[in-house]
C-alpha atoms as a PDB file:
ATOM      1  CA  MET A   1     103.150 107.078 147.073  1.00  0.00           C
ATOM      2  CA  ALA A   2     104.913 108.050 149.883  1.00  0.00           C
ATOM      3  CA  THR A   3     104.642 105.970 153.108  1.00  0.00           C
ATOM      4  CA  SER A   4     106.378 105.685 156.322  1.00  0.00           C
ATOM      5  CA  ARG A   5     106.578 101.907 157.371  1.00  0.00           C
ATOM      6  CA  ALA A   6     107.221 100.506 160.944  1.00  0.00           C
ATOM      7  CA  SER A   7     110.361  98.407 161.274  1.00  0.00           C
ATOM      8  CA  THR A   8     109.173  95.882 163.538  1.00  0.00           C
ATOM      9  CA  PRO A   9     105.551  94.217 163.217  1.00  0.00           C
ATOM     10  CA  TYR A  10     102.951  94.132 165.964  1.00  0.00           C
ATOM     11  CA  SER A  11     102.307  90.412 166.666  1.00  0.00           C
ATOM     12  CA  ALA A  12      99.964  88.241 168.728  1.00  0.00           C
ATOM     13  CA  GLU A  13      99.513  84.254 168.610  1.00  0.00           C
ATOM     14  CA  THR A  14      96.121  82.540 169.635  1.00  0.00           C
ATOM     15  CA  ARG A  15      95.799  78.785 169.286  1.00  0.00           C
ATOM     16  CA  GLY A  16      98.654  78.656 166.546  1.00  0.00           C
ATOM     17  CA  VAL A  17      97.090  81.769 164.464  1.00  0.00           C
ATOM     18  CA  VAL A  18      99.928  84.219 164.426  1.00  0.00           C
ATOM     19  CA  VAL A  19      98.648  87.516 163.515  1.00  0.00           C
ATOM     20  CA  ARG A  20     101.476  90.352 162.505  1.00  0.00           C
ATOM     21  CA  VAL A  21     100.427  93.897 161.823  1.00  0.00           C
ATOM     22  CA  ARG A  22     102.581  96.659 160.268  1.00  0.00           C
ATOM     23  CA  PRO A  23     101.218  99.976 160.279  1.00  0.00           C
ATOM     24  CA  TYR A  24     102.232 103.058 158.044  1.00  0.00           C
ATOM     25  CA  PHE A  25     101.305 106.699 157.683  1.00  0.00           C
ATOM     26  CA  LEU A  26     100.051 107.792 154.326  1.00  0.00           C
ATOM     27  CA  PRO A  27     100.956 111.636 153.965  1.00  0.00           C
ATOM     28  CA  ASP A  28      99.711 111.932 150.446  1.00  0.00           C
ATOM     29  CA  GLN A  29      96.415 110.704 151.759  1.00  0.00           C
ATOM     30  CA  SER A  30      96.022 113.005 154.788  1.00  0.00           C
ATOM     31  CA  SER A  31      94.997 116.392 155.044  1.00  0.00           C
ATOM     32  CA  PRO A  32      95.834 117.491 158.576  1.00  0.00           C
ATOM     33  CA  GLU A  33      94.338 121.128 157.843  1.00  0.00           C
ATOM     34  CA  GLU A  34      91.192 119.228 157.526  1.00  0.00           C
ATOM     35  CA  ARG A  35      91.868 117.000 160.669  1.00  0.00           C
ATOM     36  CA  GLN A  36      92.058 113.946 158.638  1.00  0.00           C
ATOM     37  CA  TRP A  37      95.347 111.580 159.106  1.00  0.00           C
ATOM     38  CA  VAL A  38      95.187 108.343 157.209  1.00  0.00           C
ATOM     39  CA  TRP A  39      97.160 105.110 157.960  1.00  0.00           C
ATOM     40  CA  ALA A  40      97.618 101.810 155.992  1.00  0.00           C
ATOM     41  CA  TYR A  41      98.203  98.547 157.657  1.00  0.00           C
ATOM     42  CA  ALA A  42      99.588  95.078 156.094  1.00  0.00           C
ATOM     43  CA  VAL A  43      98.367  92.195 158.072  1.00  0.00           C
ATOM     44  CA  GLU A  44     100.101  88.795 157.776  1.00  0.00           C
ATOM     45  CA  ILE A  45      97.816  85.908 159.320  1.00  0.00           C
ATOM     46  CA  GLU A  46     100.078  82.626 159.671  1.00  0.00           C
ATOM     47  CA  ASN A  47      98.538  79.287 160.636  1.00  0.00           C
ATOM     48  CA  LYS A  48     101.237  77.755 162.596  1.00  0.00           C
ATOM     49  CA  GLY A  49      98.979  75.408 164.188  1.00  0.00           C
ATOM     50  CA  GLU A  50      97.577  71.719 163.255  1.00  0.00           C
ATOM     51  CA  ASP A  51      93.981  72.372 162.209  1.00  0.00           C
ATOM     52  CA  THR A  52      92.761  73.979 159.352  1.00  0.00           C
ATOM     53  CA  VAL A  53      91.175  77.245 159.998  1.00  0.00           C
ATOM     54  CA  ARG A  54      88.672  79.869 158.594  1.00  0.00           C
ATOM     55  CA  LEU A  55      88.484  83.688 159.031  1.00  0.00           C
ATOM     56  CA  VAL A  56      84.881  84.341 159.228  1.00  0.00           C
ATOM     57  CA  SER A  57      84.645  87.862 160.653  1.00  0.00           C
ATOM     58  CA  ARG A  58      86.666  90.710 162.052  1.00  0.00           C
ATOM     59  CA  HIS A  59      86.106  93.044 165.095  1.00  0.00           C
ATOM     60  CA  TRP A  60      88.273  96.021 165.160  1.00  0.00           C
ATOM     61  CA  ILE A  61      88.372  98.613 167.926  1.00  0.00           C
ATOM     62  CA  ILE A  62      89.867 102.042 167.017  1.00  0.00           C
ATOM     63  CA  THR A  63      90.725 104.648 169.258  1.00  0.00           C
ATOM     64  CA  ASP A  64      91.817 108.312 168.326  1.00  0.00           C
ATOM     65  CA  ALA A  65      93.902 110.262 170.335  1.00  0.00           C
ATOM     66  CA  LEU A  66      91.079 112.139 171.829  1.00  0.00           C
ATOM     67  CA  GLY A  67      89.966 108.861 173.377  1.00  0.00           C
ATOM     68  CA  ARG A  68      87.009 108.272 171.085  1.00  0.00           C
ATOM     69  CA  VAL A  69      86.348 104.886 170.241  1.00  0.00           C
ATOM     70  CA  GLU A  70      84.880 103.317 166.894  1.00  0.00           C
ATOM     71  CA  GLU A  71      84.011  99.461 166.742  1.00  0.00           C
ATOM     72  CA  VAL A  72      83.986  97.972 163.200  1.00  0.00           C
ATOM     73  CA  GLN A  73      82.642  94.500 162.604  1.00  0.00           C
ATOM     74  CA  GLY A  74      81.815  92.660 159.471  1.00  0.00           C
ATOM     75  CA  ASP A  75      82.521  89.362 157.502  1.00  0.00           C
ATOM     76  CA  GLY A  76      85.797  88.287 156.488  1.00  0.00           C
ATOM     77  CA  VAL A  77      88.902  90.476 155.616  1.00  0.00           C
ATOM     78  CA  VAL A  78      88.913  92.729 152.034  1.00  0.00           C
ATOM     79  CA  GLY A  79      85.843  90.767 150.797  1.00  0.00           C
ATOM     80  CA  GLU A  80      87.655  87.647 151.435  1.00  0.00           C
ATOM     81  CA  GLN A  81      86.936  84.693 154.240  1.00  0.00           C
ATOM     82  CA  PRO A  82      90.557  82.783 153.691  1.00  0.00           C
ATOM     83  CA  THR A  83      91.041  79.440 154.602  1.00  0.00           C
ATOM     84  CA  LEU A  84      94.061  78.508 155.907  1.00  0.00           C
ATOM     85  CA  LYS A  85      96.091  75.118 156.046  1.00  0.00           C
ATOM     86  CA  PRO A  86      98.546  74.381 158.515  1.00  0.00           C
ATOM     87  CA  GLY A  87     101.573  76.388 157.399  1.00  0.00           C
ATOM     88  CA  GLU A  88      99.630  78.921 155.023  1.00  0.00           C
ATOM     89  CA  THR A  89      99.910  82.421 155.493  1.00  0.00           C
ATOM     90  CA  PHE A  90      97.376  84.823 154.063  1.00  0.00           C
ATOM     91  CA  ARG A  91      98.195  88.620 153.991  1.00  0.00           C
ATOM     92  CA  TYR A  92      95.991  91.796 153.096  1.00  0.00           C
ATOM     93  CA  THR A  93      97.000  95.606 153.506  1.00  0.00           C
ATOM     94  CA  SER A  94      93.685  97.974 154.405  1.00  0.00           C
ATOM     95  CA  GLY A  95      93.443 101.701 155.764  1.00  0.00           C
ATOM     96  CA  CYS A  96      91.923 103.880 158.601  1.00  0.00           C
ATOM     97  CA  PRO A  97      91.257 107.549 158.666  1.00  0.00           C
ATOM     98  CA  LEU A  98      91.553 109.433 161.786  1.00  0.00           C
ATOM     99  CA  GLN A  99      90.755 112.734 162.882  1.00  0.00           C
ATOM    100  CA  THR A 100      93.643 113.084 165.335  1.00  0.00           C
ATOM    101  CA  PRO A 101      97.277 112.730 164.509  1.00  0.00           C
ATOM    102  CA  SER A 102      97.764 109.343 166.308  1.00  0.00           C
ATOM    103  CA  GLY A 103      95.597 106.382 167.635  1.00  0.00           C
ATOM    104  CA  VAL A 104      95.251 102.907 168.414  1.00  0.00           C
ATOM    105  CA  MET A 105      93.745  99.972 166.738  1.00  0.00           C
ATOM    106  CA  ALA A 106      93.094  96.247 168.244  1.00  0.00           C
ATOM    107  CA  GLY A 107      90.818  93.406 167.661  1.00  0.00           C
ATOM    108  CA  ALA A 108      90.199  90.018 166.909  1.00  0.00           C
ATOM    109  CA  TYR A 109      89.160  87.537 163.941  1.00  0.00           C
ATOM    110  CA  HIS A 110      86.599  85.157 164.611  1.00  0.00           C
ATOM    111  CA  MET A 111      88.010  81.883 163.430  1.00  0.00           C
ATOM    112  CA  VAL A 112      86.672  78.384 162.747  1.00  0.00           C
ATOM    113  CA  THR A 113      88.608  75.247 162.598  1.00  0.00           C
ATOM    114  CA  ALA A 114      87.463  72.541 159.784  1.00  0.00           C
ATOM    115  CA  LEU A 115      85.977  70.501 162.618  1.00  0.00           C
ATOM    116  CA  GLY A 116      83.676  73.581 163.431  1.00  0.00           C
ATOM    117  CA  ASP A 117      85.540  74.528 166.751  1.00  0.00           C
ATOM    118  CA  ALA A 118      85.012  78.458 166.813  1.00  0.00           C
ATOM    119  CA  PHE A 119      87.629  80.810 168.549  1.00  0.00           C
ATOM    120  CA  GLU A 120      88.786  84.279 168.602  1.00  0.00           C
ATOM    121  CA  ALA A 121      92.220  85.215 167.063  1.00  0.00           C
ATOM    122  CA  GLU A 122      93.655  88.339 168.835  1.00  0.00           C
ATOM    123  CA  ILE A 123      94.736  91.015 166.672  1.00  0.00           C
ATOM    124  CA  PRO A 124      97.562  92.922 168.383  1.00  0.00           C
ATOM    125  CA  PRO A 125      96.957  96.411 169.806  1.00  0.00           C
ATOM    126  CA  PHE A 126      99.145  98.564 167.429  1.00  0.00           C
ATOM    127  CA  SER A 127      99.650 102.201 167.467  1.00  0.00           C
ATOM    128  CA  LEU A 128      99.190 104.725 164.878  1.00  0.00           C
ATOM    129  CA  ASP A 129     101.622 107.319 165.121  1.00  0.00           C
ATOM    130  CA  LEU A 130     103.293 110.084 162.731  1.00  0.00           C
ATOM    131  CA  PRO A 131     107.031 109.458 161.294  1.00  0.00           C
ATOM    132  CA  GLY A 132     109.383 110.408 163.899  1.00  0.00           C
ATOM    133  CA  ALA A 133     107.072 109.830 166.712  1.00  0.00           C
ATOM    134  CA  ALA A 134     107.782 107.420 169.745  1.00  0.00           C
ATOM    135  CA  ARG A 135     106.407 103.974 168.958  1.00  0.00           C
ATOM    136  CA  VAL A 136     104.421 102.905 171.600  1.00  0.00           C
ATOM    137  CA  VAL A 137     100.705 101.791 171.867  1.00  0.00           C
ATOM    138  CA  ASN A 138      98.405 104.744 172.584  1.00  0.00           C
END
């Protein structure tokens, strides 16, 4: 499978939870003549804090190059609600199709500590750009 990977991940930290995202274009799953461009994104969630945390749900905001916004909410990620002890990391890969050749994604993970304290861990805004395009958040 041919892919184009970004060299440096986008990163955000909230209360010791670091979220890193590395998007990459999937040309073999895309069909520009049918107005469909597909990206995958690898996510790494690292618990640098002192509390055990559980990822309960996700909220994505996906904006295409024409400014159309889609919001996606749901339990966990890739069918899991991972619990991360201090120093642990969880990784997963998912994907996003767009009807334009670029866009941007951002959002938050709803986290709960072992003591029941809830907070939103920021998912950094990241740009979905074709290979060779300038790497900037749309």
